[in-house]
């Protein structure tokens, strides 16, 4: 570890909404390796109408080696919770993980190492999905739920908050907040990281900074994946159209429609190969969502409902 990583303060932000899995997430942080000279703290942002997570958090305090700050920030809008973590952090770095994920021992060390080496404004890590035996075979073998960054021409142009370390001292992040208008639909993190990149910031990748996420049965369905891909496409399409002129929008519509058509035709050609077929179909749905985003259709709601957290 470089000397520049010493005397560093890091907060770990976890946004939660009625998830008992928060207990496992917090206990996993008790086992995380922390390099010498780093002061660690955990921020819990409870996005429920009532402070429902507070008893769980209070009960775990004796088992956690790090200070914990509990913030009640109602209600049902994930951007409010993410911004509460930013507002309550005065550290050098803020890491985000989800309330249904568990950290590996080397998770934080790997994020800090890459941040120190690259001087990036944000560092993403992978999230590996774990499936129940009841999940469809094509889904388990194809690993449709794990999260990795997307590289475009050798660079990362957007990101996610399920595994990230933010440099809060970066000029590209100062004053930035998550869009409240996207707090129920999702896509607020995509927009946030897109703005970092567009402002000249850099996003790096730490492939060994691993988090795990168990996929609940409610999410182990093609319908859930399709809805999520469609919403992701909507966000991408809206960002593509943002500030674009009429000609650029028409060009984007034509290209996106062609991509969607290609994906659906390709799915027909491999109809008896479920992993490849479903990848093409879901990719096609993503492009259909992008079409709706370019056209300005309202994005579907994803957060703040019991359905979103049911096992």
C-alpha atoms as a PDB file:
ATOM      1  CA  UNK A   1       0.000   0.000   0.000  1.00  0.00           C
ATOM      2  CA  UNK A   2       1.347   3.419  -0.955  1.00  0.00           C
ATOM      3  CA  UNK A   3       2.091   6.016   1.711  1.00  0.00           C
ATOM      4  CA  UNK A   4      -0.562   8.205   0.132  1.00  0.00           C
ATOM      5  CA  UNK A   5      -3.172   5.755   1.408  1.00  0.00           C
ATOM      6  CA  UNK A   6      -2.192   6.453   5.024  1.00  0.00           C
ATOM      7  CA  UNK A   7      -4.082   8.803   7.375  1.00  0.00           C
ATOM      8  CA  UNK A   8      -7.200   8.402   5.289  1.00  0.00           C
ATOM      9  CA  UNK A   9     -10.816   8.510   6.426  1.00  0.00           C
ATOM     10  CA  UNK A  10     -13.349   6.316   4.645  1.00  0.00           C
ATOM     11  CA  UNK A  11     -17.091   6.076   5.175  1.00  0.00           C
ATOM     12  CA  UNK A  12     -19.127   3.120   3.927  1.00  0.00           C
ATOM     13  CA  UNK A  13     -22.680   4.083   2.968  1.00  0.00           C
ATOM     14  CA  UNK A  14     -25.484   1.520   2.957  1.00  0.00           C
ATOM     15  CA  UNK A  15     -28.972   2.574   1.891  1.00  0.00           C
ATOM     16  CA  UNK A  16     -31.672   0.284   3.255  1.00  0.00           C
ATOM     17  CA  UNK A  17     -35.402  -0.243   2.879  1.00  0.00           C
ATOM     18  CA  UNK A  18     -37.003  -3.021   4.962  1.00  0.00           C
ATOM     19  CA  UNK A  19     -34.322  -5.622   4.266  1.00  0.00           C
ATOM     20  CA  UNK A  20     -33.353  -8.116   6.981  1.00  0.00           C
ATOM     21  CA  UNK A  21     -30.297  -8.931   4.833  1.00  0.00           C
ATOM     22  CA  UNK A  22     -28.818  -5.724   6.241  1.00  0.00           C
ATOM     23  CA  UNK A  23     -27.667  -7.785   9.234  1.00  0.00           C
ATOM     24  CA  UNK A  24     -25.439 -10.006   7.083  1.00  0.00           C
ATOM     25  CA  UNK A  25     -24.115  -6.962   5.217  1.00  0.00           C
ATOM     26  CA  UNK A  26     -23.066  -5.230   8.442  1.00  0.00           C
ATOM     27  CA  UNK A  27     -21.547  -8.359   9.957  1.00  0.00           C
ATOM     28  CA  UNK A  28     -19.486  -8.898   6.814  1.00  0.00           C
ATOM     29  CA  UNK A  29     -18.002  -5.429   7.283  1.00  0.00           C
ATOM     30  CA  UNK A  30     -16.766  -6.522  10.713  1.00  0.00           C
ATOM     31  CA  UNK A  31     -14.457  -8.956   8.888  1.00  0.00           C
ATOM     32  CA  UNK A  32     -13.147  -6.525   6.269  1.00  0.00           C
ATOM     33  CA  UNK A  33      -9.399  -5.890   6.189  1.00  0.00           C
ATOM     34  CA  UNK A  34      -8.592  -2.222   6.747  1.00  0.00           C
ATOM     35  CA  UNK A  35      -5.080  -1.005   5.833  1.00  0.00           C
ATOM     36  CA  UNK A  36      -3.091   0.677   8.597  1.00  0.00           C
ATOM     37  CA  UNK A  37      -3.723   4.384   8.927  1.00  0.00           C
ATOM     38  CA  UNK A  38      -7.280   4.259   7.598  1.00  0.00           C
ATOM     39  CA  UNK A  39     -10.132   5.372   9.849  1.00  0.00           C
ATOM     40  CA  UNK A  40     -13.367   3.602   8.936  1.00  0.00           C
ATOM     41  CA  UNK A  41     -16.993   4.477   9.676  1.00  0.00           C
ATOM     42  CA  UNK A  42     -20.348   3.101   8.468  1.00  0.00           C
ATOM     43  CA  UNK A  43     -23.377   5.220   7.529  1.00  0.00           C
ATOM     44  CA  UNK A  44     -26.795   3.541   7.425  1.00  0.00           C
ATOM     45  CA  UNK A  45     -29.442   5.525   5.508  1.00  0.00           C
ATOM     46  CA  UNK A  46     -32.890   4.119   6.323  1.00  0.00           C
ATOM     47  CA  UNK A  47     -35.288   5.042   3.513  1.00  0.00           C
ATOM     48  CA  UNK A  48     -38.446   3.634   5.142  1.00  0.00           C
ATOM     49  CA  UNK A  49     -41.356   5.807   6.305  1.00  0.00           C
ATOM     50  CA  UNK A  50     -40.571   4.816   9.890  1.00  0.00           C
ATOM     51  CA  UNK A  51     -37.081   4.106  11.320  1.00  0.00           C
ATOM     52  CA  UNK A  52     -37.629   0.364  10.883  1.00  0.00           C
ATOM     53  CA  UNK A  53     -33.949  -0.561  10.569  1.00  0.00           C
ATOM     54  CA  UNK A  54     -32.850   1.197  13.730  1.00  0.00           C
ATOM     55  CA  UNK A  55     -33.491  -1.723  16.151  1.00  0.00           C
ATOM     56  CA  UNK A  56     -31.475  -4.067  13.924  1.00  0.00           C
ATOM     57  CA  UNK A  57     -28.604  -1.590  13.682  1.00  0.00           C
ATOM     58  CA  UNK A  58     -28.613  -0.877  17.426  1.00  0.00           C
ATOM     59  CA  UNK A  59     -28.578  -4.595  18.191  1.00  0.00           C
ATOM     60  CA  UNK A  60     -25.476  -5.106  16.067  1.00  0.00           C
ATOM     61  CA  UNK A  61     -23.432  -2.229  17.447  1.00  0.00           C
ATOM     62  CA  UNK A  62     -21.642  -4.392  20.071  1.00  0.00           C
ATOM     63  CA  UNK A  63     -20.496  -6.732  17.290  1.00  0.00           C
ATOM     64  CA  UNK A  64     -19.094  -4.077  14.956  1.00  0.00           C
ATOM     65  CA  UNK A  65     -15.548  -2.722  15.318  1.00  0.00           C
ATOM     66  CA  UNK A  66     -16.351   0.474  13.394  1.00  0.00           C
ATOM     67  CA  UNK A  67     -18.448   3.487  14.427  1.00  0.00           C
ATOM     68  CA  UNK A  68     -21.925   3.449  12.895  1.00  0.00           C
ATOM     69  CA  UNK A  69     -24.055   6.485  12.047  1.00  0.00           C
ATOM     70  CA  UNK A  70     -27.766   5.785  11.615  1.00  0.00           C
ATOM     71  CA  UNK A  71     -29.760   8.279   9.523  1.00  0.00           C
ATOM     72  CA  UNK A  72     -33.531   8.094   9.021  1.00  0.00           C
ATOM     73  CA  UNK A  73     -34.260   9.656   5.615  1.00  0.00           C
ATOM     74  CA  UNK A  74     -37.805   8.861   4.466  1.00  0.00           C
ATOM     75  CA  UNK A  75     -39.249   7.748   2.246  1.00  0.00           C
ATOM     76  CA  UNK A  76     -39.148   5.268  -0.626  1.00  0.00           C
ATOM     77  CA  UNK A  77     -36.776   7.350  -2.769  1.00  0.00           C
ATOM     78  CA  UNK A  78     -33.308   5.859  -3.170  1.00  0.00           C
ATOM     79  CA  UNK A  79     -31.772   9.196  -4.186  1.00  0.00           C
ATOM     80  CA  UNK A  80     -32.780  10.673  -0.818  1.00  0.00           C
ATOM     81  CA  UNK A  81     -30.910   7.834   0.901  1.00  0.00           C
ATOM     82  CA  UNK A  82     -27.827   8.120  -1.293  1.00  0.00           C
ATOM     83  CA  UNK A  83     -27.712  11.874  -0.742  1.00  0.00           C
ATOM     84  CA  UNK A  84     -28.072  11.337   3.010  1.00  0.00           C
ATOM     85  CA  UNK A  85     -24.874   9.287   2.915  1.00  0.00           C
ATOM     86  CA  UNK A  86     -23.116  12.074   1.023  1.00  0.00           C
ATOM     87  CA  UNK A  87     -24.473  14.762   3.358  1.00  0.00           C
ATOM     88  CA  UNK A  88     -23.397  12.877   6.482  1.00  0.00           C
ATOM     89  CA  UNK A  89     -19.916  12.040   5.250  1.00  0.00           C
ATOM     90  CA  UNK A  90     -16.933  14.302   5.863  1.00  0.00           C
ATOM     91  CA  UNK A  91     -14.405  11.608   4.965  1.00  0.00           C
ATOM     92  CA  UNK A  92     -11.855  11.525   2.159  1.00  0.00           C
ATOM     93  CA  UNK A  93     -13.660   8.651   0.463  1.00  0.00           C
ATOM     94  CA  UNK A  94     -17.180   7.262   0.539  1.00  0.00           C
ATOM     95  CA  UNK A  95     -17.807   3.657  -0.464  1.00  0.00           C
ATOM     96  CA  UNK A  96     -21.284   2.415  -1.355  1.00  0.00           C
ATOM     97  CA  UNK A  97     -22.592  -1.133  -1.091  1.00  0.00           C
ATOM     98  CA  UNK A  98     -26.172  -2.450  -1.115  1.00  0.00           C
ATOM     99  CA  UNK A  99     -28.023  -3.701   1.946  1.00  0.00           C
ATOM    100  CA  UNK A 100     -28.350  -7.214   0.486  1.00  0.00           C
ATOM    101  CA  UNK A 101     -24.654  -7.659  -0.287  1.00  0.00           C
ATOM    102  CA  UNK A 102     -21.779  -9.084   1.746  1.00  0.00           C
ATOM    103  CA  UNK A 103     -18.181  -7.941   1.581  1.00  0.00           C
ATOM    104  CA  UNK A 104     -15.094 -10.091   1.139  1.00  0.00           C
ATOM    105  CA  UNK A 105     -12.100  -9.501   3.420  1.00  0.00           C
ATOM    106  CA  UNK A 106     -10.035  -7.766   0.760  1.00  0.00           C
ATOM    107  CA  UNK A 107     -12.865  -5.665  -0.676  1.00  0.00           C
ATOM    108  CA  UNK A 108     -11.938  -2.286   0.786  1.00  0.00           C
ATOM    109  CA  UNK A 109      -8.182  -2.806   0.465  1.00  0.00           C
ATOM    110  CA  UNK A 110      -8.562  -3.496  -3.258  1.00  0.00           C
ATOM    111  CA  UNK A 111     -10.705  -0.389  -3.812  1.00  0.00           C
ATOM    112  CA  UNK A 112      -8.237   1.805  -1.931  1.00  0.00           C
ATOM    113  CA  UNK A 113      -5.248   0.295  -3.762  1.00  0.00           C
ATOM    114  CA  UNK A 114      -6.711   1.055  -7.189  1.00  0.00           C
ATOM    115  CA  UNK A 115      -7.855   4.522  -6.081  1.00  0.00           C
ATOM    116  CA  UNK A 116      -4.339   5.292  -4.851  1.00  0.00           C
ATOM    117  CA  UNK A 117      -2.625   3.920  -7.958  1.00  0.00           C
ATOM    118  CA  UNK A 118      -4.926   5.491 -10.559  1.00  0.00           C
ATOM    119  CA  UNK A 119      -5.969   8.717  -8.783  1.00  0.00           C
ATOM    120  CA  UNK A 120      -9.430   8.019 -10.220  1.00  0.00           C
ATOM    121  CA  UNK A 121     -12.477   9.971  -9.073  1.00  0.00           C
ATOM    122  CA  UNK A 122     -14.421   6.738  -8.607  1.00  0.00           C
ATOM    123  CA  UNK A 123     -13.439   3.072  -8.453  1.00  0.00           C
ATOM    124  CA  UNK A 124     -15.922   0.312  -9.252  1.00  0.00           C
ATOM    125  CA  UNK A 125     -15.776  -3.283  -8.059  1.00  0.00           C
ATOM    126  CA  UNK A 126     -17.640  -6.398  -9.224  1.00  0.00           C
ATOM    127  CA  UNK A 127     -20.701  -7.903  -7.573  1.00  0.00           C
ATOM    128  CA  UNK A 128     -21.011 -11.664  -7.983  1.00  0.00           C
ATOM    129  CA  UNK A 129     -24.507 -13.148  -7.848  1.00  0.00           C
ATOM    130  CA  UNK A 130     -25.405 -16.302  -5.950  1.00  0.00           C
ATOM    131  CA  UNK A 131     -28.438 -18.309  -7.093  1.00  0.00           C
ATOM    132  CA  UNK A 132     -30.880 -20.636  -5.379  1.00  0.00           C
ATOM    133  CA  UNK A 133     -31.107 -24.122  -6.868  1.00  0.00           C
ATOM    134  CA  UNK A 134     -34.658 -23.212  -7.872  1.00  0.00           C
ATOM    135  CA  UNK A 135     -33.425 -20.529 -10.286  1.00  0.00           C
ATOM    136  CA  UNK A 136     -33.687 -21.483 -13.983  1.00  0.00           C
ATOM    137  CA  UNK A 137     -30.661 -23.356 -15.280  1.00  0.00           C
ATOM    138  CA  UNK A 138     -30.085 -20.863 -18.106  1.00  0.00           C
ATOM    139  CA  UNK A 139     -30.005 -18.048 -15.550  1.00  0.00           C
ATOM    140  CA  UNK A 140     -27.528 -19.780 -13.232  1.00  0.00           C
ATOM    141  CA  UNK A 141     -25.198 -20.885 -16.028  1.00  0.00           C
ATOM    142  CA  UNK A 142     -25.410 -17.552 -17.828  1.00  0.00           C
ATOM    143  CA  UNK A 143     -24.995 -15.491 -14.616  1.00  0.00           C
ATOM    144  CA  UNK A 144     -27.474 -12.780 -15.574  1.00  0.00           C
ATOM    145  CA  UNK A 145     -27.418 -10.914 -12.237  1.00  0.00           C
ATOM    146  CA  UNK A 146     -23.734 -10.249 -11.558  1.00  0.00           C
ATOM    147  CA  UNK A 147     -22.583  -6.650 -11.989  1.00  0.00           C
ATOM    148  CA  UNK A 148     -19.476  -5.489 -13.832  1.00  0.00           C
ATOM    149  CA  UNK A 149     -18.511  -2.148 -15.402  1.00  0.00           C
ATOM    150  CA  UNK A 150     -18.933  -1.590 -19.118  1.00  0.00           C
ATOM    151  CA  UNK A 151     -15.872  -0.439 -21.044  1.00  0.00           C
ATOM    152  CA  UNK A 152     -16.382   1.716 -24.139  1.00  0.00           C
ATOM    153  CA  UNK A 153     -13.251   2.247 -26.229  1.00  0.00           C
ATOM    154  CA  UNK A 154     -11.111   1.328 -23.258  1.00  0.00           C
ATOM    155  CA  UNK A 155     -12.757   3.605 -20.687  1.00  0.00           C
ATOM    156  CA  UNK A 156     -15.632   3.426 -18.206  1.00  0.00           C
ATOM    157  CA  UNK A 157     -18.206   6.118 -18.950  1.00  0.00           C
ATOM    158  CA  UNK A 158     -20.762   5.417 -16.260  1.00  0.00           C
ATOM    159  CA  UNK A 159     -21.119   3.308 -13.132  1.00  0.00           C
ATOM    160  CA  UNK A 160     -23.212   1.981 -10.272  1.00  0.00           C
ATOM    161  CA  UNK A 161     -23.487   2.331  -6.503  1.00  0.00           C
ATOM    162  CA  UNK A 162     -23.666  -1.337  -5.517  1.00  0.00           C
ATOM    163  CA  UNK A 163     -19.851  -1.446  -5.262  1.00  0.00           C
ATOM    164  CA  UNK A 164     -17.927   1.791  -5.580  1.00  0.00           C
ATOM    165  CA  UNK A 165     -15.427   4.054  -3.831  1.00  0.00           C
ATOM    166  CA  UNK A 166     -15.885   7.797  -4.406  1.00  0.00           C
ATOM    167  CA  UNK A 167     -13.135  10.369  -3.951  1.00  0.00           C
ATOM    168  CA  UNK A 168     -15.044  13.068  -2.090  1.00  0.00           C
ATOM    169  CA  UNK A 169     -12.103  15.485  -2.438  1.00  0.00           C
ATOM    170  CA  UNK A 170     -12.330  15.369  -6.227  1.00  0.00           C
ATOM    171  CA  UNK A 171     -13.371  18.589  -7.953  1.00  0.00           C
ATOM    172  CA  UNK A 172     -15.579  16.473 -10.232  1.00  0.00           C
ATOM    173  CA  UNK A 173     -17.661  15.282  -7.268  1.00  0.00           C
ATOM    174  CA  UNK A 174     -17.871  18.401  -5.119  1.00  0.00           C
ATOM    175  CA  UNK A 175     -21.504  19.380  -4.651  1.00  0.00           C
ATOM    176  CA  UNK A 176     -22.802  16.551  -6.823  1.00  0.00           C
ATOM    177  CA  UNK A 177     -25.949  14.808  -5.644  1.00  0.00           C
ATOM    178  CA  UNK A 178     -28.214  12.050  -6.939  1.00  0.00           C
ATOM    179  CA  UNK A 179     -31.253  13.168  -8.903  1.00  0.00           C
ATOM    180  CA  UNK A 180     -34.371  13.032  -6.713  1.00  0.00           C
ATOM    181  CA  UNK A 181     -36.571  12.733  -9.795  1.00  0.00           C
ATOM    182  CA  UNK A 182     -35.001   9.318 -10.472  1.00  0.00           C
ATOM    183  CA  UNK A 183     -35.223   8.091  -6.886  1.00  0.00           C
ATOM    184  CA  UNK A 184     -38.204   5.831  -7.514  1.00  0.00           C
ATOM    185  CA  UNK A 185     -37.379   4.672 -11.035  1.00  0.00           C
ATOM    186  CA  UNK A 186     -33.687   3.904 -10.682  1.00  0.00           C
ATOM    187  CA  UNK A 187     -31.000   5.149 -13.014  1.00  0.00           C
ATOM    188  CA  UNK A 188     -29.927   7.837 -10.563  1.00  0.00           C
ATOM    189  CA  UNK A 189     -26.535   6.185 -10.235  1.00  0.00           C
ATOM    190  CA  UNK A 190     -26.083   5.886 -14.001  1.00  0.00           C
ATOM    191  CA  UNK A 191     -26.794   9.591 -14.361  1.00  0.00           C
ATOM    192  CA  UNK A 192     -24.473  10.475 -11.461  1.00  0.00           C
ATOM    193  CA  UNK A 193     -21.493   8.624 -12.901  1.00  0.00           C
ATOM    194  CA  UNK A 194     -22.222   9.789 -16.435  1.00  0.00           C
ATOM    195  CA  UNK A 195     -21.956  13.366 -15.212  1.00  0.00           C
ATOM    196  CA  UNK A 196     -18.637  12.554 -13.518  1.00  0.00           C
ATOM    197  CA  UNK A 197     -17.275  11.253 -16.824  1.00  0.00           C
ATOM    198  CA  UNK A 198     -18.701  14.102 -18.892  1.00  0.00           C
ATOM    199  CA  UNK A 199     -17.140  16.644 -16.538  1.00  0.00           C
ATOM    200  CA  UNK A 200     -13.702  15.119 -17.157  1.00  0.00           C
ATOM    201  CA  UNK A 201     -13.587  12.743 -14.211  1.00  0.00           C
ATOM    202  CA  UNK A 202     -12.202   9.233 -14.435  1.00  0.00           C
ATOM    203  CA  UNK A 203     -13.710   5.930 -13.330  1.00  0.00           C
ATOM    204  CA  UNK A 204     -11.411   2.969 -12.624  1.00  0.00           C
ATOM    205  CA  UNK A 205     -12.050  -0.721 -11.987  1.00  0.00           C
ATOM    206  CA  UNK A 206     -10.804  -2.928  -9.156  1.00  0.00           C
ATOM    207  CA  UNK A 207     -11.562  -6.504 -10.325  1.00  0.00           C
ATOM    208  CA  UNK A 208     -10.558  -8.045  -6.975  1.00  0.00           C
ATOM    209  CA  UNK A 209     -12.759  -5.715  -4.870  1.00  0.00           C
ATOM    210  CA  UNK A 210     -15.475  -8.330  -4.654  1.00  0.00           C
ATOM    211  CA  UNK A 211     -18.932  -8.195  -3.107  1.00  0.00           C
ATOM    212  CA  UNK A 212     -21.481 -11.043  -3.102  1.00  0.00           C
ATOM    213  CA  UNK A 213     -25.233 -10.780  -3.585  1.00  0.00           C
ATOM    214  CA  UNK A 214     -27.713 -13.618  -3.134  1.00  0.00           C
ATOM    215  CA  UNK A 215     -30.439 -13.450  -5.773  1.00  0.00           C
ATOM    216  CA  UNK A 216     -33.868 -13.823  -4.098  1.00  0.00           C
ATOM    217  CA  UNK A 217     -36.470 -15.974  -5.812  1.00  0.00           C
ATOM    218  CA  UNK A 218     -38.551 -12.926  -6.697  1.00  0.00           C
ATOM    219  CA  UNK A 219     -35.680 -11.649  -8.862  1.00  0.00           C
ATOM    220  CA  UNK A 220     -34.781 -15.014 -10.394  1.00  0.00           C
ATOM    221  CA  UNK A 221     -37.348 -14.536 -13.157  1.00  0.00           C
ATOM    222  CA  UNK A 222     -37.062 -13.468 -16.762  1.00  0.00           C
ATOM    223  CA  UNK A 223     -39.775 -10.853 -16.168  1.00  0.00           C
ATOM    224  CA  UNK A 224     -37.701  -9.148 -13.464  1.00  0.00           C
ATOM    225  CA  UNK A 225     -34.633  -9.066 -15.688  1.00  0.00           C
ATOM    226  CA  UNK A 226     -36.683  -7.703 -18.593  1.00  0.00           C
ATOM    227  CA  UNK A 227     -38.168  -4.903 -16.480  1.00  0.00           C
ATOM    228  CA  UNK A 228     -34.730  -3.975 -15.169  1.00  0.00           C
ATOM    229  CA  UNK A 229     -33.142  -3.965 -18.636  1.00  0.00           C
ATOM    230  CA  UNK A 230     -35.991  -1.831 -19.995  1.00  0.00           C
ATOM    231  CA  UNK A 231     -35.506   0.722 -17.197  1.00  0.00           C
ATOM    232  CA  UNK A 232     -31.737   0.739 -17.744  1.00  0.00           C
ATOM    233  CA  UNK A 233     -32.384   1.420 -21.417  1.00  0.00           C
ATOM    234  CA  UNK A 234     -34.731   4.274 -20.553  1.00  0.00           C
ATOM    235  CA  UNK A 235     -32.041   5.936 -18.455  1.00  0.00           C
ATOM    236  CA  UNK A 236     -29.424   5.511 -21.193  1.00  0.00           C
ATOM    237  CA  UNK A 237     -31.784   6.885 -23.828  1.00  0.00           C
ATOM    238  CA  UNK A 238     -32.651   9.911 -21.715  1.00  0.00           C
ATOM    239  CA  UNK A 239     -28.952  10.668 -21.170  1.00  0.00           C
ATOM    240  CA  UNK A 240     -28.248  10.292 -24.904  1.00  0.00           C
ATOM    241  CA  UNK A 241     -31.065  12.714 -25.724  1.00  0.00           C
ATOM    242  CA  UNK A 242     -30.064  15.202 -23.026  1.00  0.00           C
ATOM    243  CA  UNK A 243     -28.984  18.377 -24.785  1.00  0.00           C
ATOM    244  CA  UNK A 244     -29.051  16.721 -28.218  1.00  0.00           C
ATOM    245  CA  UNK A 245     -30.566  18.507 -31.191  1.00  0.00           C
ATOM    246  CA  UNK A 246     -33.382  17.163 -33.359  1.00  0.00           C
ATOM    247  CA  UNK A 247     -31.041  15.634 -35.945  1.00  0.00           C
ATOM    248  CA  UNK A 248     -28.955  13.895 -33.287  1.00  0.00           C
ATOM    249  CA  UNK A 249     -32.080  12.475 -31.648  1.00  0.00           C
ATOM    250  CA  UNK A 250     -33.397  11.123 -34.949  1.00  0.00           C
ATOM    251  CA  UNK A 251     -30.012   9.545 -35.650  1.00  0.00           C
ATOM    252  CA  UNK A 252     -29.982   7.953 -32.192  1.00  0.00           C
ATOM    253  CA  UNK A 253     -33.521   6.625 -32.705  1.00  0.00           C
ATOM    254  CA  UNK A 254     -32.599   4.997 -36.022  1.00  0.00           C
ATOM    255  CA  UNK A 255     -29.409   3.417 -34.653  1.00  0.00           C
ATOM    256  CA  UNK A 256     -31.140   2.197 -31.483  1.00  0.00           C
ATOM    257  CA  UNK A 257     -34.081   0.757 -33.410  1.00  0.00           C
ATOM    258  CA  UNK A 258     -31.656  -1.093 -35.678  1.00  0.00           C
ATOM    259  CA  UNK A 259     -29.836  -2.511 -32.661  1.00  0.00           C
ATOM    260  CA  UNK A 260     -33.116  -3.689 -31.133  1.00  0.00           C
ATOM    261  CA  UNK A 261     -34.168  -5.352 -34.386  1.00  0.00           C
ATOM    262  CA  UNK A 262     -30.791  -7.075 -34.714  1.00  0.00           C
ATOM    263  CA  UNK A 263     -31.042  -8.468 -31.169  1.00  0.00           C
ATOM    264  CA  UNK A 264     -34.541  -9.876 -31.662  1.00  0.00           C
ATOM    265  CA  UNK A 265     -33.635 -11.432 -35.021  1.00  0.00           C
ATOM    266  CA  UNK A 266     -30.486 -12.922 -33.492  1.00  0.00           C
ATOM    267  CA  UNK A 267     -32.622 -14.372 -30.673  1.00  0.00           C
ATOM    268  CA  UNK A 268     -34.777 -16.157 -33.248  1.00  0.00           C
ATOM    269  CA  UNK A 269     -31.686 -17.662 -34.859  1.00  0.00           C
ATOM    270  CA  UNK A 270     -30.584 -19.198 -31.529  1.00  0.00           C
ATOM    271  CA  UNK A 271     -34.046 -19.923 -30.169  1.00  0.00           C
ATOM    272  CA  UNK A 272     -33.032 -23.391 -28.939  1.00  0.00           C
ATOM    273  CA  UNK A 273     -29.984 -22.072 -27.031  1.00  0.00           C
ATOM    274  CA  UNK A 274     -31.639 -20.482 -23.973  1.00  0.00           C
ATOM    275  CA  UNK A 275     -28.627 -18.601 -22.603  1.00  0.00           C
ATOM    276  CA  UNK A 276     -27.744 -16.924 -25.898  1.00  0.00           C
ATOM    277  CA  UNK A 277     -31.422 -16.437 -26.816  1.00  0.00           C
ATOM    278  CA  UNK A 278     -32.275 -14.714 -23.557  1.00  0.00           C
ATOM    279  CA  UNK A 279     -29.162 -12.545 -23.714  1.00  0.00           C
ATOM    280  CA  UNK A 280     -30.234 -11.281 -27.130  1.00  0.00           C
ATOM    281  CA  UNK A 281     -33.845 -10.760 -26.043  1.00  0.00           C
ATOM    282  CA  UNK A 282     -32.817  -8.847 -22.917  1.00  0.00           C
ATOM    283  CA  UNK A 283     -30.390  -6.772 -24.964  1.00  0.00           C
ATOM    284  CA  UNK A 284     -33.210  -6.020 -27.392  1.00  0.00           C
ATOM    285  CA  UNK A 285     -35.448  -4.965 -24.501  1.00  0.00           C
ATOM    286  CA  UNK A 286     -32.656  -2.679 -23.285  1.00  0.00           C
ATOM    287  CA  UNK A 287     -32.613  -0.970 -26.689  1.00  0.00           C
ATOM    288  CA  UNK A 288     -36.426  -0.672 -26.711  1.00  0.00           C
ATOM    289  CA  UNK A 289     -36.122   1.023 -23.340  1.00  0.00           C
ATOM    290  CA  UNK A 290     -33.505   3.345 -24.833  1.00  0.00           C
ATOM    291  CA  UNK A 291     -35.943   4.233 -27.602  1.00  0.00           C
ATOM    292  CA  UNK A 292     -38.560   5.201 -25.023  1.00  0.00           C
ATOM    293  CA  UNK A 293     -35.969   7.245 -23.131  1.00  0.00           C
ATOM    294  CA  UNK A 294     -34.922   9.143 -26.262  1.00  0.00           C
ATOM    295  CA  UNK A 295     -38.600   9.828 -26.975  1.00  0.00           C
ATOM    296  CA  UNK A 296     -39.055  11.151 -23.432  1.00  0.00           C
ATOM    297  CA  UNK A 297     -41.399   8.500 -22.056  1.00  0.00           C
ATOM    298  CA  UNK A 298     -41.714   8.413 -18.277  1.00  0.00           C
ATOM    299  CA  UNK A 299     -39.439   5.907 -16.554  1.00  0.00           C
ATOM    300  CA  UNK A 300     -41.000   3.017 -14.633  1.00  0.00           C
ATOM    301  CA  UNK A 301     -40.880   2.954 -10.820  1.00  0.00           C
ATOM    302  CA  UNK A 302     -38.523   0.495  -9.175  1.00  0.00           C
ATOM    303  CA  UNK A 303     -37.883   1.686  -5.596  1.00  0.00           C
ATOM    304  CA  UNK A 304     -39.989   2.308  -2.531  1.00  0.00           C
ATOM    305  CA  UNK A 305     -42.364  -0.655  -2.848  1.00  0.00           C
ATOM    306  CA  UNK A 306     -42.678  -3.868  -0.921  1.00  0.00           C
ATOM    307  CA  UNK A 307     -42.282  -5.768  -4.184  1.00  0.00           C
ATOM    308  CA  UNK A 308     -38.793  -4.343  -4.520  1.00  0.00           C
ATOM    309  CA  UNK A 309     -37.648  -5.914  -1.271  1.00  0.00           C
ATOM    310  CA  UNK A 310     -39.664  -9.116  -1.052  1.00  0.00           C
ATOM    311  CA  UNK A 311     -37.631 -12.349  -0.956  1.00  0.00           C
END
